[in-house]
Amino acid sequence: MPDEVKKGKVLYFAEINNVSGKAIYQMKIIDASPIRLVFSVENVSTMRYHLLPIFHPGDLQSVYFLDRESDSVWRYYSIVRIGQTANGLMAGNDSSFINRAVAFYRNLVGIPTTQEPPVAP
């Protein structure tokens, strides 16, 4: 809920996707104000592809930055890190991470996910 997004707050959420199934994530709110939102996300459960572990807890980390430039313009950027204990099958899968970042952005600004094609093949 919006009232939970406060500096220093730690939140948890679940995600189900077609590659890794269900995963539990931890979100830490680093900065939250009317002009800036910074938060980190890290998996806290093992993520699997079929039965094979691909990400152990803490292997998939990202930080998101949103800065207000004007009343109607926000600047967005993020950094993603994959831990050293992640399964080697995940190496070289840049398109998945690019499309995830773009999907997050589209959702944030209200662009329907079915409106545009994926950015990376």
PDB file of N, CA and C in Angstrom:
ATOM      1  N   MET A   1       0.838  -1.182   0.000  1.00  0.00           N
ATOM      2  CA  MET A   1       0.000   0.000   0.000  1.00  0.00           C
ATOM      3  C   MET A   1       0.885   1.248   0.000  1.00  0.00           C
ATOM      4  N   PRO A   2       0.423   2.331  -0.590  1.00  0.00           N
ATOM      5  CA  PRO A   2       1.243   3.547  -0.658  1.00  0.00           C
ATOM      6  C   PRO A   2       1.721   4.057   0.703  1.00  0.00           C
ATOM      7  N   ASP A   3       0.907   3.910   1.743  1.00  0.00           N
ATOM      8  CA  ASP A   3       1.328   4.411   3.055  1.00  0.00           C
ATOM      9  C   ASP A   3       2.438   3.568   3.678  1.00  0.00           C
ATOM     10  N   GLU A   4       2.735   2.406   3.107  1.00  0.00           N
ATOM     11  CA  GLU A   4       3.832   1.559   3.593  1.00  0.00           C
ATOM     12  C   GLU A   4       5.184   1.955   2.998  1.00  0.00           C
ATOM     13  N   VAL A   5       5.174   2.760   1.948  1.00  0.00           N
ATOM     14  CA  VAL A   5       6.413   3.135   1.263  1.00  0.00           C
ATOM     15  C   VAL A   5       7.032   4.319   2.002  1.00  0.00           C
ATOM     16  N   LYS A   6       7.805   3.982   3.017  1.00  0.00           N
ATOM     17  CA  LYS A   6       8.470   4.980   3.852  1.00  0.00           C
ATOM     18  C   LYS A   6       9.934   4.616   3.996  1.00  0.00           C
ATOM     19  N   LYS A   7      10.783   5.619   4.057  1.00  0.00           N
ATOM     20  CA  LYS A   7      12.213   5.420   4.209  1.00  0.00           C
ATOM     21  C   LYS A   7      12.506   4.479   5.382  1.00  0.00           C
ATOM     22  N   GLY A   8      13.357   3.485   5.124  1.00  0.00           N
ATOM     23  CA  GLY A   8      13.749   2.533   6.148  1.00  0.00           C
ATOM     24  C   GLY A   8      12.846   1.314   6.262  1.00  0.00           C
ATOM     25  N   LYS A   9      11.712   1.329   5.586  1.00  0.00           N
ATOM     26  CA  LYS A   9      10.750   0.233   5.669  1.00  0.00           C
ATOM     27  C   LYS A   9      11.252  -0.977   4.873  1.00  0.00           C
ATOM     28  N   VAL A  10      11.010  -2.175   5.389  1.00  0.00           N
ATOM     29  CA  VAL A  10      11.329  -3.421   4.698  1.00  0.00           C
ATOM     30  C   VAL A  10      10.012  -4.142   4.438  1.00  0.00           C
ATOM     31  N   LEU A  11       9.763  -4.453   3.174  1.00  0.00           N
ATOM     32  CA  LEU A  11       8.527  -5.107   2.755  1.00  0.00           C
ATOM     33  C   LEU A  11       8.863  -6.418   2.048  1.00  0.00           C
ATOM     34  N   TYR A  12       7.918  -7.324   1.999  1.00  0.00           N
ATOM     35  CA  TYR A  12       8.093  -8.598   1.312  1.00  0.00           C
ATOM     36  C   TYR A  12       6.954  -8.799   0.334  1.00  0.00           C
ATOM     37  N   PHE A  13       7.267  -9.441  -0.806  1.00  0.00           N
ATOM     38  CA  PHE A  13       6.225  -9.752  -1.771  1.00  0.00           C
ATOM     39  C   PHE A  13       6.584 -11.023  -2.521  1.00  0.00           C
ATOM     40  N   ALA A  14       5.585 -11.630  -3.117  1.00  0.00           N
ATOM     41  CA  ALA A  14       5.778 -12.845  -3.908  1.00  0.00           C
ATOM     42  C   ALA A  14       5.539 -12.521  -5.373  1.00  0.00           C
ATOM     43  N   GLU A  15       6.258 -13.230  -6.217  1.00  0.00           N
ATOM     44  CA  GLU A  15       6.091 -13.082  -7.665  1.00  0.00           C
ATOM     45  C   GLU A  15       6.061 -14.475  -8.276  1.00  0.00           C
ATOM     46  N   ILE A  16       5.178 -14.663  -9.221  1.00  0.00           N
ATOM     47  CA  ILE A  16       5.126 -15.919  -9.951  1.00  0.00           C
ATOM     48  C   ILE A  16       5.347 -15.580 -11.414  1.00  0.00           C
ATOM     49  N   ASN A  17       6.373 -16.200 -12.017  1.00  0.00           N
ATOM     50  CA  ASN A  17       6.591 -15.973 -13.446  1.00  0.00           C
ATOM     51  C   ASN A  17       6.815 -17.294 -14.166  1.00  0.00           C
ATOM     52  N   ASN A  18       6.834 -17.231 -15.488  1.00  0.00           N
ATOM     53  CA  ASN A  18       6.891 -18.440 -16.292  1.00  0.00           C
ATOM     54  C   ASN A  18       8.272 -19.080 -16.361  1.00  0.00           C
ATOM     55  N   VAL A  19       9.300 -18.439 -15.832  1.00  0.00           N
ATOM     56  CA  VAL A  19      10.647 -19.008 -15.875  1.00  0.00           C
ATOM     57  C   VAL A  19      11.018 -19.629 -14.537  1.00  0.00           C
ATOM     58  N   SER A  20      10.911 -18.855 -13.467  1.00  0.00           N
ATOM     59  CA  SER A  20      11.401 -19.335 -12.177  1.00  0.00           C
ATOM     60  C   SER A  20      10.303 -19.716 -11.199  1.00  0.00           C
ATOM     61  N   GLY A  21       9.048 -19.669 -11.616  1.00  0.00           N
ATOM     62  CA  GLY A  21       7.961 -20.032 -10.716  1.00  0.00           C
ATOM     63  C   GLY A  21       7.756 -18.988  -9.637  1.00  0.00           C
ATOM     64  N   LYS A  22       7.448 -19.442  -8.420  1.00  0.00           N
ATOM     65  CA  LYS A  22       7.168 -18.523  -7.318  1.00  0.00           C
ATOM     66  C   LYS A  22       8.462 -18.163  -6.598  1.00  0.00           C
ATOM     67  N   ALA A  23       8.596 -16.880  -6.277  1.00  0.00           N
ATOM     68  CA  ALA A  23       9.755 -16.403  -5.522  1.00  0.00           C
ATOM     69  C   ALA A  23       9.286 -15.367  -4.511  1.00  0.00           C
ATOM     70  N   ILE A  24       9.969 -15.324  -3.386  1.00  0.00           N
ATOM     71  CA  ILE A  24       9.708 -14.326  -2.361  1.00  0.00           C
ATOM     72  C   ILE A  24      10.834 -13.300  -2.411  1.00  0.00           C
ATOM     73  N   TYR A  25      10.475 -12.027  -2.384  1.00  0.00           N
ATOM     74  CA  TYR A  25      11.442 -10.940  -2.464  1.00  0.00           C
ATOM     75  C   TYR A  25      11.347 -10.039  -1.238  1.00  0.00           C
ATOM     76  N   GLN A  26      12.463  -9.401  -0.937  1.00  0.00           N
ATOM     77  CA  GLN A  26      12.520  -8.380   0.103  1.00  0.00           C
ATOM     78  C   GLN A  26      12.754  -7.040  -0.584  1.00  0.00           C
ATOM     79  N   MET A  27      11.951  -6.064  -0.229  1.00  0.00           N
ATOM     80  CA  MET A  27      12.101  -4.712  -0.768  1.00  0.00           C
ATOM     81  C   MET A  27      12.449  -3.769   0.386  1.00  0.00           C
ATOM     82  N   LYS A  28      13.556  -3.053   0.241  1.00  0.00           N
ATOM     83  CA  LYS A  28      13.961  -2.072   1.247  1.00  0.00           C
ATOM     84  C   LYS A  28      13.781  -0.684   0.654  1.00  0.00           C
ATOM     85  N   ILE A  29      13.041   0.162   1.353  1.00  0.00           N
ATOM     86  CA  ILE A  29      12.837   1.532   0.903  1.00  0.00           C
ATOM     87  C   ILE A  29      14.020   2.350   1.414  1.00  0.00           C
ATOM     88  N   ILE A  30      14.865   2.798   0.494  1.00  0.00           N
ATOM     89  CA  ILE A  30      16.078   3.536   0.844  1.00  0.00           C
ATOM     90  C   ILE A  30      15.787   5.025   0.988  1.00  0.00           C
ATOM     91  N   ASP A  31      14.968   5.553   0.095  1.00  0.00           N
ATOM     92  CA  ASP A  31      14.599   6.971   0.145  1.00  0.00           C
ATOM     93  C   ASP A  31      13.193   7.103  -0.423  1.00  0.00           C
ATOM     94  N   ALA A  32      12.356   7.881   0.236  1.00  0.00           N
ATOM     95  CA  ALA A  32      10.985   8.091  -0.240  1.00  0.00           C
ATOM     96  C   ALA A  32      10.557   9.508   0.107  1.00  0.00           C
ATOM     97  N   SER A  33      10.311  10.279  -0.934  1.00  0.00           N
ATOM     98  CA  SER A  33       9.840  11.649  -0.764  1.00  0.00           C
ATOM     99  C   SER A  33       8.989  11.989  -1.989  1.00  0.00           C
ATOM    100  N   PRO A  34       8.337  13.147  -1.995  1.00  0.00           N
ATOM    101  CA  PRO A  34       7.536  13.517  -3.171  1.00  0.00           C
ATOM    102  C   PRO A  34       8.364  13.668  -4.445  1.00  0.00           C
ATOM    103  N   ILE A  35       9.680  13.805  -4.339  1.00  0.00           N
ATOM    104  CA  ILE A  35      10.509  14.013  -5.536  1.00  0.00           C
ATOM    105  C   ILE A  35      11.484  12.873  -5.808  1.00  0.00           C
ATOM    106  N   ARG A  36      11.529  11.868  -4.926  1.00  0.00           N
ATOM    107  CA  ARG A  36      12.504  10.798  -5.131  1.00  0.00           C
ATOM    108  C   ARG A  36      12.041   9.514  -4.446  1.00  0.00           C
ATOM    109  N   LEU A  37      12.248   8.395  -5.159  1.00  0.00           N
ATOM    110  CA  LEU A  37      12.000   7.078  -4.589  1.00  0.00           C
ATOM    111  C   LEU A  37      13.164   6.179  -4.972  1.00  0.00           C
ATOM    112  N   VAL A  38      13.796   5.588  -3.978  1.00  0.00           N
ATOM    113  CA  VAL A  38      14.896   4.650  -4.205  1.00  0.00           C
ATOM    114  C   VAL A  38      14.604   3.418  -3.364  1.00  0.00           C
ATOM    115  N   PHE A  39      14.636   2.252  -3.996  1.00  0.00           N
ATOM    116  CA  PHE A  39      14.411   1.020  -3.251  1.00  0.00           C
ATOM    117  C   PHE A  39      15.220  -0.120  -3.856  1.00  0.00           C
ATOM    118  N   SER A  40      15.555  -1.087  -3.006  1.00  0.00           N
ATOM    119  CA  SER A  40      16.281  -2.268  -3.460  1.00  0.00           C
ATOM    120  C   SER A  40      15.366  -3.475  -3.342  1.00  0.00           C
ATOM    121  N   VAL A  41      15.617  -4.459  -4.206  1.00  0.00           N
ATOM    122  CA  VAL A  41      14.847  -5.694  -4.209  1.00  0.00           C
ATOM    123  C   VAL A  41      15.839  -6.851  -4.286  1.00  0.00           C
ATOM    124  N   GLU A  42      15.602  -7.870  -3.465  1.00  0.00           N
ATOM    125  CA  GLU A  42      16.495  -9.036  -3.416  1.00  0.00           C
ATOM    126  C   GLU A  42      15.653 -10.288  -3.177  1.00  0.00           C
ATOM    127  N   ASN A  43      15.987 -11.369  -3.881  1.00  0.00           N
ATOM    128  CA  ASN A  43      15.250 -12.611  -3.633  1.00  0.00           C
ATOM    129  C   ASN A  43      15.657 -13.183  -2.272  1.00  0.00           C
ATOM    130  N   VAL A  44      14.673 -13.657  -1.521  1.00  0.00           N
ATOM    131  CA  VAL A  44      14.960 -14.282  -0.230  1.00  0.00           C
ATOM    132  C   VAL A  44      14.632 -15.772  -0.250  1.00  0.00           C
ATOM    133  N   SER A  45      14.080 -16.238  -1.345  1.00  0.00           N
ATOM    134  CA  SER A  45      13.836 -17.671  -1.511  1.00  0.00           C
ATOM    135  C   SER A  45      14.631 -18.168  -2.712  1.00  0.00           C
ATOM    136  N   THR A  46      14.877 -19.459  -2.749  1.00  0.00           N
ATOM    137  CA  THR A  46      15.563 -20.056  -3.894  1.00  0.00           C
ATOM    138  C   THR A  46      14.615 -20.044  -5.083  1.00  0.00           C
ATOM    139  N   MET A  47      15.133 -19.621  -6.225  1.00  0.00           N
ATOM    140  CA  MET A  47      14.343 -19.589  -7.453  1.00  0.00           C
ATOM    141  C   MET A  47      14.807 -20.763  -8.319  1.00  0.00           C
ATOM    142  N   ARG A  48      13.852 -21.473  -8.893  1.00  0.00           N
ATOM    143  CA  ARG A  48      14.167 -22.684  -9.649  1.00  0.00           C
ATOM    144  C   ARG A  48      13.610 -22.605 -11.067  1.00  0.00           C
ATOM    145  N   TYR A  49      14.302 -23.264 -11.967  1.00  0.00           N
ATOM    146  CA  TYR A  49      13.805 -23.497 -13.318  1.00  0.00           C
ATOM    147  C   TYR A  49      13.532 -24.986 -13.383  1.00  0.00           C
ATOM    148  N   HIS A  50      12.287 -25.340 -13.458  1.00  0.00           N
ATOM    149  CA  HIS A  50      11.834 -26.708 -13.231  1.00  0.00           C
ATOM    150  C   HIS A  50      12.293 -27.087 -11.824  1.00  0.00           C
ATOM    151  N   LEU A  51      13.129 -28.046 -11.635  1.00  0.00           N
ATOM    152  CA  LEU A  51      13.593 -28.387 -10.291  1.00  0.00           C
ATOM    153  C   LEU A  51      15.004 -27.887 -10.020  1.00  0.00           C
ATOM    154  N   LEU A  52      15.632 -27.293 -11.008  1.00  0.00           N
ATOM    155  CA  LEU A  52      17.028 -26.873 -10.915  1.00  0.00           C
ATOM    156  C   LEU A  52      17.148 -25.482 -10.287  1.00  0.00           C
ATOM    157  N   PRO A  53      17.887 -25.340  -9.185  1.00  0.00           N
ATOM    158  CA  PRO A  53      18.056 -23.999  -8.593  1.00  0.00           C
ATOM    159  C   PRO A  53      18.828 -23.081  -9.544  1.00  0.00           C
ATOM    160  N   ILE A  54      18.289 -21.896  -9.781  1.00  0.00           N
ATOM    161  CA  ILE A  54      19.001 -20.935 -10.628  1.00  0.00           C
ATOM    162  C   ILE A  54      19.495 -19.734  -9.833  1.00  0.00           C
ATOM    163  N   PHE A  55      18.740 -19.332  -8.803  1.00  0.00           N
ATOM    164  CA  PHE A  55      19.157 -18.243  -7.923  1.00  0.00           C
ATOM    165  C   PHE A  55      18.942 -18.675  -6.477  1.00  0.00           C
ATOM    166  N   HIS A  56      20.003 -18.674  -5.706  1.00  0.00           N
ATOM    167  CA  HIS A  56      19.899 -18.924  -4.273  1.00  0.00           C
ATOM    168  C   HIS A  56      19.524 -17.598  -3.604  1.00  0.00           C
ATOM    169  N   PRO A  57      19.086 -17.639  -2.339  1.00  0.00           N
ATOM    170  CA  PRO A  57      18.724 -16.382  -1.668  1.00  0.00           C
ATOM    171  C   PRO A  57      19.842 -15.334  -1.762  1.00  0.00           C
ATOM    172  N   GLY A  58      19.477 -14.132  -2.188  1.00  0.00           N
ATOM    173  CA  GLY A  58      20.430 -13.033  -2.324  1.00  0.00           C
ATOM    174  C   GLY A  58      21.163 -12.980  -3.650  1.00  0.00           C
ATOM    175  N   ASP A  59      20.957 -13.961  -4.535  1.00  0.00           N
ATOM    176  CA  ASP A  59      21.659 -13.980  -5.822  1.00  0.00           C
ATOM    177  C   ASP A  59      21.148 -12.937  -6.815  1.00  0.00           C
ATOM    178  N   LEU A  60      19.895 -12.542  -6.699  1.00  0.00           N
ATOM    179  CA  LEU A  60      19.310 -11.598  -7.651  1.00  0.00           C
ATOM    180  C   LEU A  60      18.986 -10.312  -6.901  1.00  0.00           C
ATOM    181  N   GLN A  61      19.746  -9.263  -7.184  1.00  0.00           N
ATOM    182  CA  GLN A  61      19.588  -7.994  -6.468  1.00  0.00           C
ATOM    183  C   GLN A  61      19.437  -6.863  -7.472  1.00  0.00           C
ATOM    184  N   SER A  62      18.609  -5.904  -7.116  1.00  0.00           N
ATOM    185  CA  SER A  62      18.450  -4.733  -7.971  1.00  0.00           C
ATOM    186  C   SER A  62      18.147  -3.508  -7.110  1.00  0.00           C
ATOM    187  N   VAL A  63      18.494  -2.350  -7.650  1.00  0.00           N
ATOM    188  CA  VAL A  63      18.193  -1.080  -7.009  1.00  0.00           C
ATOM    189  C   VAL A  63      17.514  -0.208  -8.062  1.00  0.00           C
ATOM    190  N   TYR A  64      16.420   0.428  -7.669  1.00  0.00           N
ATOM    191  CA  TYR A  64      15.642   1.266  -8.576  1.00  0.00           C
ATOM    192  C   TYR A  64      15.669   2.708  -8.079  1.00  0.00           C
ATOM    193  N   PHE A  65      15.829   3.637  -9.020  1.00  0.00           N
ATOM    194  CA  PHE A  65      15.899   5.066  -8.717  1.00  0.00           C
ATOM    195  C   PHE A  65      14.835   5.773  -9.548  1.00  0.00           C
ATOM    196  N   LEU A  66      13.985   6.546  -8.901  1.00  0.00           N
ATOM    197  CA  LEU A  66      12.998   7.370  -9.585  1.00  0.00           C
ATOM    198  C   LEU A  66      13.125   8.779  -9.039  1.00  0.00           C
ATOM    199  N   ASP A  67      13.401   9.731  -9.921  1.00  0.00           N
ATOM    200  CA  ASP A  67      13.586  11.128  -9.532  1.00  0.00           C
ATOM    201  C   ASP A  67      12.639  12.002 -10.340  1.00  0.00           C
ATOM    202  N   ARG A  68      11.914  12.880  -9.654  1.00  0.00           N
ATOM    203  CA  ARG A  68      10.989  13.788 -10.337  1.00  0.00           C
ATOM    204  C   ARG A  68      11.774  14.920 -10.986  1.00  0.00           C
ATOM    205  N   GLU A  69      11.555  15.104 -12.282  1.00  0.00           N
ATOM    206  CA  GLU A  69      12.179  16.215 -13.001  1.00  0.00           C
ATOM    207  C   GLU A  69      11.220  17.392 -13.132  1.00  0.00           C
ATOM    208  N   SER A  70       9.926  17.091 -13.208  1.00  0.00           N
ATOM    209  CA  SER A  70       8.898  18.132 -13.291  1.00  0.00           C
ATOM    210  C   SER A  70       7.589  17.507 -12.816  1.00  0.00           C
ATOM    211  N   ASP A  71       6.496  18.261 -12.905  1.00  0.00           N
ATOM    212  CA  ASP A  71       5.207  17.727 -12.464  1.00  0.00           C
ATOM    213  C   ASP A  71       4.785  16.481 -13.233  1.00  0.00           C
ATOM    214  N   SER A  72       5.223  16.360 -14.478  1.00  0.00           N
ATOM    215  CA  SER A  72       4.774  15.231 -15.302  1.00  0.00           C
ATOM    216  C   SER A  72       5.907  14.338 -15.804  1.00  0.00           C
ATOM    217  N   VAL A  73       7.139  14.585 -15.373  1.00  0.00           N
ATOM    218  CA  VAL A  73       8.277  13.795 -15.872  1.00  0.00           C
ATOM    219  C   VAL A  73       9.074  13.232 -14.699  1.00  0.00           C
ATOM    220  N   TRP A  74       9.276  11.912 -14.754  1.00  0.00           N
ATOM    221  CA  TRP A  74      10.123  11.226 -13.776  1.00  0.00           C
ATOM    222  C   TRP A  74      11.291  10.588 -14.512  1.00  0.00           C
ATOM    223  N   ARG A  75      12.456  10.629 -13.938  1.00  0.00           N
ATOM    224  CA  ARG A  75      13.638   9.943 -14.469  1.00  0.00           C
ATOM    225  C   ARG A  75      13.726   8.600 -13.750  1.00  0.00           C
ATOM    226  N   TYR A  76      13.997   7.528 -14.500  1.00  0.00           N
ATOM    227  CA  TYR A  76      14.049   6.176 -13.942  1.00  0.00           C
ATOM    228  C   TYR A  76      15.337   5.489 -14.395  1.00  0.00           C
ATOM    229  N   TYR A  77      16.004   4.856 -13.480  1.00  0.00           N
ATOM    230  CA  TYR A  77      17.110   3.973 -13.840  1.00  0.00           C
ATOM    231  C   TYR A  77      17.250   2.910 -12.767  1.00  0.00           C
ATOM    232  N   SER A  78      17.900   1.806 -13.142  1.00  0.00           N
ATOM    233  CA  SER A  78      18.068   0.718 -12.186  1.00  0.00           C
ATOM    234  C   SER A  78      19.384   0.002 -12.444  1.00  0.00           C
ATOM    235  N   ILE A  79      19.807  -0.712 -11.430  1.00  0.00           N
ATOM    236  CA  ILE A  79      21.024  -1.512 -11.502  1.00  0.00           C
ATOM    237  C   ILE A  79      20.641  -2.921 -11.062  1.00  0.00           C
ATOM    238  N   VAL A  80      21.080  -3.928 -11.810  1.00  0.00           N
ATOM    239  CA  VAL A  80      20.797  -5.320 -11.485  1.00  0.00           C
ATOM    240  C   VAL A  80      22.115  -6.048 -11.290  1.00  0.00           C
ATOM    241  N   ARG A  81      22.147  -6.910 -10.283  1.00  0.00           N
ATOM    242  CA  ARG A  81      23.340  -7.701  -9.997  1.00  0.00           C
ATOM    243  C   ARG A  81      22.924  -9.152  -9.814  1.00  0.00           C
ATOM    244  N   ILE A  82      23.709 -10.049 -10.380  1.00  0.00           N
ATOM    245  CA  ILE A  82      23.507 -11.479 -10.192  1.00  0.00           C
ATOM    246  C   ILE A  82      24.687 -11.995  -9.389  1.00  0.00           C
ATOM    247  N   GLY A  83      24.420 -12.707  -8.304  1.00  0.00           N
ATOM    248  CA  GLY A  83      25.456 -13.206  -7.410  1.00  0.00           C
ATOM    249  C   GLY A  83      26.315 -14.293  -8.028  1.00  0.00           C
ATOM    250  N   GLN A  84      27.466 -14.510  -7.441  1.00  0.00           N
ATOM    251  CA  GLN A  84      28.420 -15.496  -7.942  1.00  0.00           C
ATOM    252  C   GLN A  84      27.922 -16.928  -7.807  1.00  0.00           C
ATOM    253  N   THR A  85      26.977 -17.180  -6.890  1.00  0.00           N
ATOM    254  CA  THR A  85      26.479 -18.543  -6.718  1.00  0.00           C
ATOM    255  C   THR A  85      25.277 -18.850  -7.606  1.00  0.00           C
ATOM    256  N   ALA A  86      24.888 -17.897  -8.458  1.00  0.00           N
ATOM    257  CA  ALA A  86      23.777 -18.137  -9.382  1.00  0.00           C
ATOM    258  C   ALA A  86      24.173 -19.212 -10.386  1.00  0.00           C
ATOM    259  N   ASN A  87      23.189 -19.918 -10.864  1.00  0.00           N
ATOM    260  CA  ASN A  87      23.419 -20.974 -11.844  1.00  0.00           C
ATOM    261  C   ASN A  87      23.968 -20.377 -13.137  1.00  0.00           C
ATOM    262  N   GLY A  88      24.983 -21.008 -13.714  1.00  0.00           N
ATOM    263  CA  GLY A  88      25.605 -20.540 -14.953  1.00  0.00           C
ATOM    264  C   GLY A  88      24.656 -20.484 -16.137  1.00  0.00           C
ATOM    265  N   LEU A  89      23.522 -21.179 -16.056  1.00  0.00           N
ATOM    266  CA  LEU A  89      22.537 -21.131 -17.140  1.00  0.00           C
ATOM    267  C   LEU A  89      21.958 -19.736 -17.314  1.00  0.00           C
ATOM    268  N   MET A  90      22.055 -18.902 -16.284  1.00  0.00           N
ATOM    269  CA  MET A  90      21.489 -17.555 -16.353  1.00  0.00           C
ATOM    270  C   MET A  90      22.420 -16.564 -17.043  1.00  0.00           C
ATOM    271  N   ALA A  91      23.662 -16.916 -17.218  1.00  0.00           N
ATOM    272  CA  ALA A  91      24.622 -16.010 -17.870  1.00  0.00           C
ATOM    273  C   ALA A  91      24.223 -15.783 -19.325  1.00  0.00           C
ATOM    274  N   GLY A  92      24.391 -14.573 -19.792  1.00  0.00           N
ATOM    275  CA  GLY A  92      24.118 -14.254 -21.188  1.00  0.00           C
ATOM    276  C   GLY A  92      22.651 -14.097 -21.519  1.00  0.00           C
ATOM    277  N   ASN A  93      21.798 -13.990 -20.535  1.00  0.00           N
ATOM    278  CA  ASN A  93      20.367 -13.839 -20.768  1.00  0.00           C
ATOM    279  C   ASN A  93      19.956 -12.380 -20.583  1.00  0.00           C
ATOM    280  N   ASP A  94      20.689 -11.475 -21.235  1.00  0.00           N
ATOM    281  CA  ASP A  94      20.458 -10.040 -21.070  1.00  0.00           C
ATOM    282  C   ASP A  94      19.050  -9.610 -21.458  1.00  0.00           C
ATOM    283  N   SER A  95      18.483 -10.231 -22.504  1.00  0.00           N
ATOM    284  CA  SER A  95      17.164  -9.795 -22.974  1.00  0.00           C
ATOM    285  C   SER A  95      16.106  -9.950 -21.880  1.00  0.00           C
ATOM    286  N   SER A  96      16.223 -10.970 -21.062  1.00  0.00           N
ATOM    287  CA  SER A  96      15.268 -11.161 -19.979  1.00  0.00           C
ATOM    288  C   SER A  96      15.320  -9.995 -18.998  1.00  0.00           C
ATOM    289  N   PHE A  97      16.512  -9.551 -18.646  1.00  0.00           N
ATOM    290  CA  PHE A  97      16.656  -8.456 -17.703  1.00  0.00           C
ATOM    291  C   PHE A  97      16.233  -7.117 -18.314  1.00  0.00           C
ATOM    292  N   ILE A  98      16.535  -6.924 -19.587  1.00  0.00           N
ATOM    293  CA  ILE A  98      16.116  -5.700 -20.283  1.00  0.00           C
ATOM    294  C   ILE A  98      14.586  -5.629 -20.323  1.00  0.00           C
ATOM    295  N   ASN A  99      13.956  -6.715 -20.733  1.00  0.00           N
ATOM    296  CA  ASN A  99      12.495  -6.730 -20.828  1.00  0.00           C
ATOM    297  C   ASN A  99      11.840  -6.564 -19.464  1.00  0.00           C
ATOM    298  N   ARG A 100      12.440  -7.116 -18.411  1.00  0.00           N
ATOM    299  CA  ARG A 100      11.895  -6.953 -17.052  1.00  0.00           C
ATOM    300  C   ARG A 100      11.948  -5.483 -16.632  1.00  0.00           C
ATOM    301  N   ALA A 101      13.070  -4.817 -16.909  1.00  0.00           N
ATOM    302  CA  ALA A 101      13.199  -3.398 -16.544  1.00  0.00           C
ATOM    303  C   ALA A 101      12.190  -2.544 -17.314  1.00  0.00           C
ATOM    304  N   VAL A 102      12.023  -2.826 -18.596  1.00  0.00           N
ATOM    305  CA  VAL A 102      11.076  -2.061 -19.412  1.00  0.00           C
ATOM    306  C   VAL A 102       9.641  -2.333 -18.951  1.00  0.00           C
ATOM    307  N   ALA A 103       9.333  -3.581 -18.612  1.00  0.00           N
ATOM    308  CA  ALA A 103       7.989  -3.905 -18.121  1.00  0.00           C
ATOM    309  C   ALA A 103       7.701  -3.171 -16.812  1.00  0.00           C
ATOM    310  N   PHE A 104       8.702  -3.099 -15.940  1.00  0.00           N
ATOM    311  CA  PHE A 104       8.539  -2.361 -14.683  1.00  0.00           C
ATOM    312  C   PHE A 104       8.248  -0.891 -14.980  1.00  0.00           C
ATOM    313  N   TYR A 105       9.029  -0.302 -15.888  1.00  0.00           N
ATOM    314  CA  TYR A 105       8.832   1.106 -16.249  1.00  0.00           C
ATOM    315  C   TYR A 105       7.432   1.322 -16.841  1.00  0.00           C
ATOM    316  N   ARG A 106       7.041   0.463 -17.780  1.00  0.00           N
ATOM    317  CA  ARG A 106       5.726   0.617 -18.420  1.00  0.00           C
ATOM    318  C   ARG A 106       4.604   0.525 -17.391  1.00  0.00           C
ATOM    319  N   ASN A 107       4.734  -0.404 -16.464  1.00  0.00           N
ATOM    320  CA  ASN A 107       3.719  -0.529 -15.417  1.00  0.00           C
ATOM    321  C   ASN A 107       3.675   0.726 -14.560  1.00  0.00           C
ATOM    322  N   LEU A 108       4.835   1.247 -14.220  1.00  0.00           N
ATOM    323  CA  LEU A 108       4.933   2.427 -13.368  1.00  0.00           C
ATOM    324  C   LEU A 108       4.282   3.648 -14.001  1.00  0.00           C
ATOM    325  N   VAL A 109       4.484   3.840 -15.306  1.00  0.00           N
ATOM    326  CA  VAL A 109       3.946   5.036 -15.969  1.00  0.00           C
ATOM    327  C   VAL A 109       2.591   4.795 -16.626  1.00  0.00           C
ATOM    328  N   GLY A 110       2.054   3.585 -16.490  1.00  0.00           N
ATOM    329  CA  GLY A 110       0.708   3.321 -16.975  1.00  0.00           C
ATOM    330  C   GLY A 110       0.598   2.911 -18.428  1.00  0.00           C
ATOM    331  N   ILE A 111       1.670   2.454 -19.037  1.00  0.00           N
ATOM    332  CA  ILE A 111       1.594   1.945 -20.413  1.00  0.00           C
ATOM    333  C   ILE A 111       1.172   0.483 -20.338  1.00  0.00           C
ATOM    334  N   PRO A 112       0.063   0.106 -20.981  1.00  0.00           N
ATOM    335  CA  PRO A 112      -0.363  -1.300 -20.933  1.00  0.00           C
ATOM    336  C   PRO A 112       0.736  -2.224 -21.459  1.00  0.00           C
ATOM    337  N   THR A 113       0.947  -3.324 -20.768  1.00  0.00           N
ATOM    338  CA  THR A 113       2.025  -4.243 -21.165  1.00  0.00           C
ATOM    339  C   THR A 113       1.774  -4.887 -22.514  1.00  0.00           C
ATOM    340  N   THR A 114       0.534  -4.883 -22.981  1.00  0.00           N
ATOM    341  CA  THR A 114       0.216  -5.458 -24.287  1.00  0.00           C
ATOM    342  C   THR A 114       0.294  -4.431 -25.411  1.00  0.00           C
ATOM    343  N   GLN A 115       0.546  -3.179 -25.073  1.00  0.00           N
ATOM    344  CA  GLN A 115       0.545  -2.112 -26.082  1.00  0.00           C
ATOM    345  C   GLN A 115       1.795  -2.132 -26.958  1.00  0.00           C
ATOM    346  N   GLU A 116       2.926  -2.416 -26.368  1.00  0.00           N
ATOM    347  CA  GLU A 116       4.195  -2.374 -27.092  1.00  0.00           C
ATOM    348  C   GLU A 116       4.830  -3.771 -27.115  1.00  0.00           C
ATOM    349  N   PRO A 117       5.611  -4.066 -28.132  1.00  0.00           N
ATOM    350  CA  PRO A 117       6.306  -5.370 -28.151  1.00  0.00           C
ATOM    351  C   PRO A 117       7.478  -5.361 -27.162  1.00  0.00           C
ATOM    352  N   PRO A 118       8.013  -6.538 -26.823  1.00  0.00           N
ATOM    353  CA  PRO A 118       9.208  -6.583 -25.974  1.00  0.00           C
ATOM    354  C   PRO A 118      10.351  -5.790 -26.625  1.00  0.00           C
ATOM    355  N   VAL A 119      11.175  -5.171 -25.807  1.00  0.00           N
ATOM    356  CA  VAL A 119      12.283  -4.368 -26.322  1.00  0.00           C
ATOM    357  C   VAL A 119      13.397  -5.253 -26.863  1.00  0.00           C
ATOM    358  N   ALA A 120      13.676  -6.339 -26.164  1.00  0.00           N
ATOM    359  CA  ALA A 120      14.770  -7.246 -26.570  1.00  0.00           C
ATOM    360  C   ALA A 120      14.175  -8.602 -26.947  1.00  0.00           C
ATOM    361  N   PRO A 121      14.703  -9.199 -28.017  1.00  0.00           N
ATOM    362  CA  PRO A 121      14.168 -10.520 -28.453  1.00  0.00           C
ATOM    363  C   PRO A 121      14.521 -11.631 -27.483  1.00  0.00           C
TER     364      PRO A 121
END
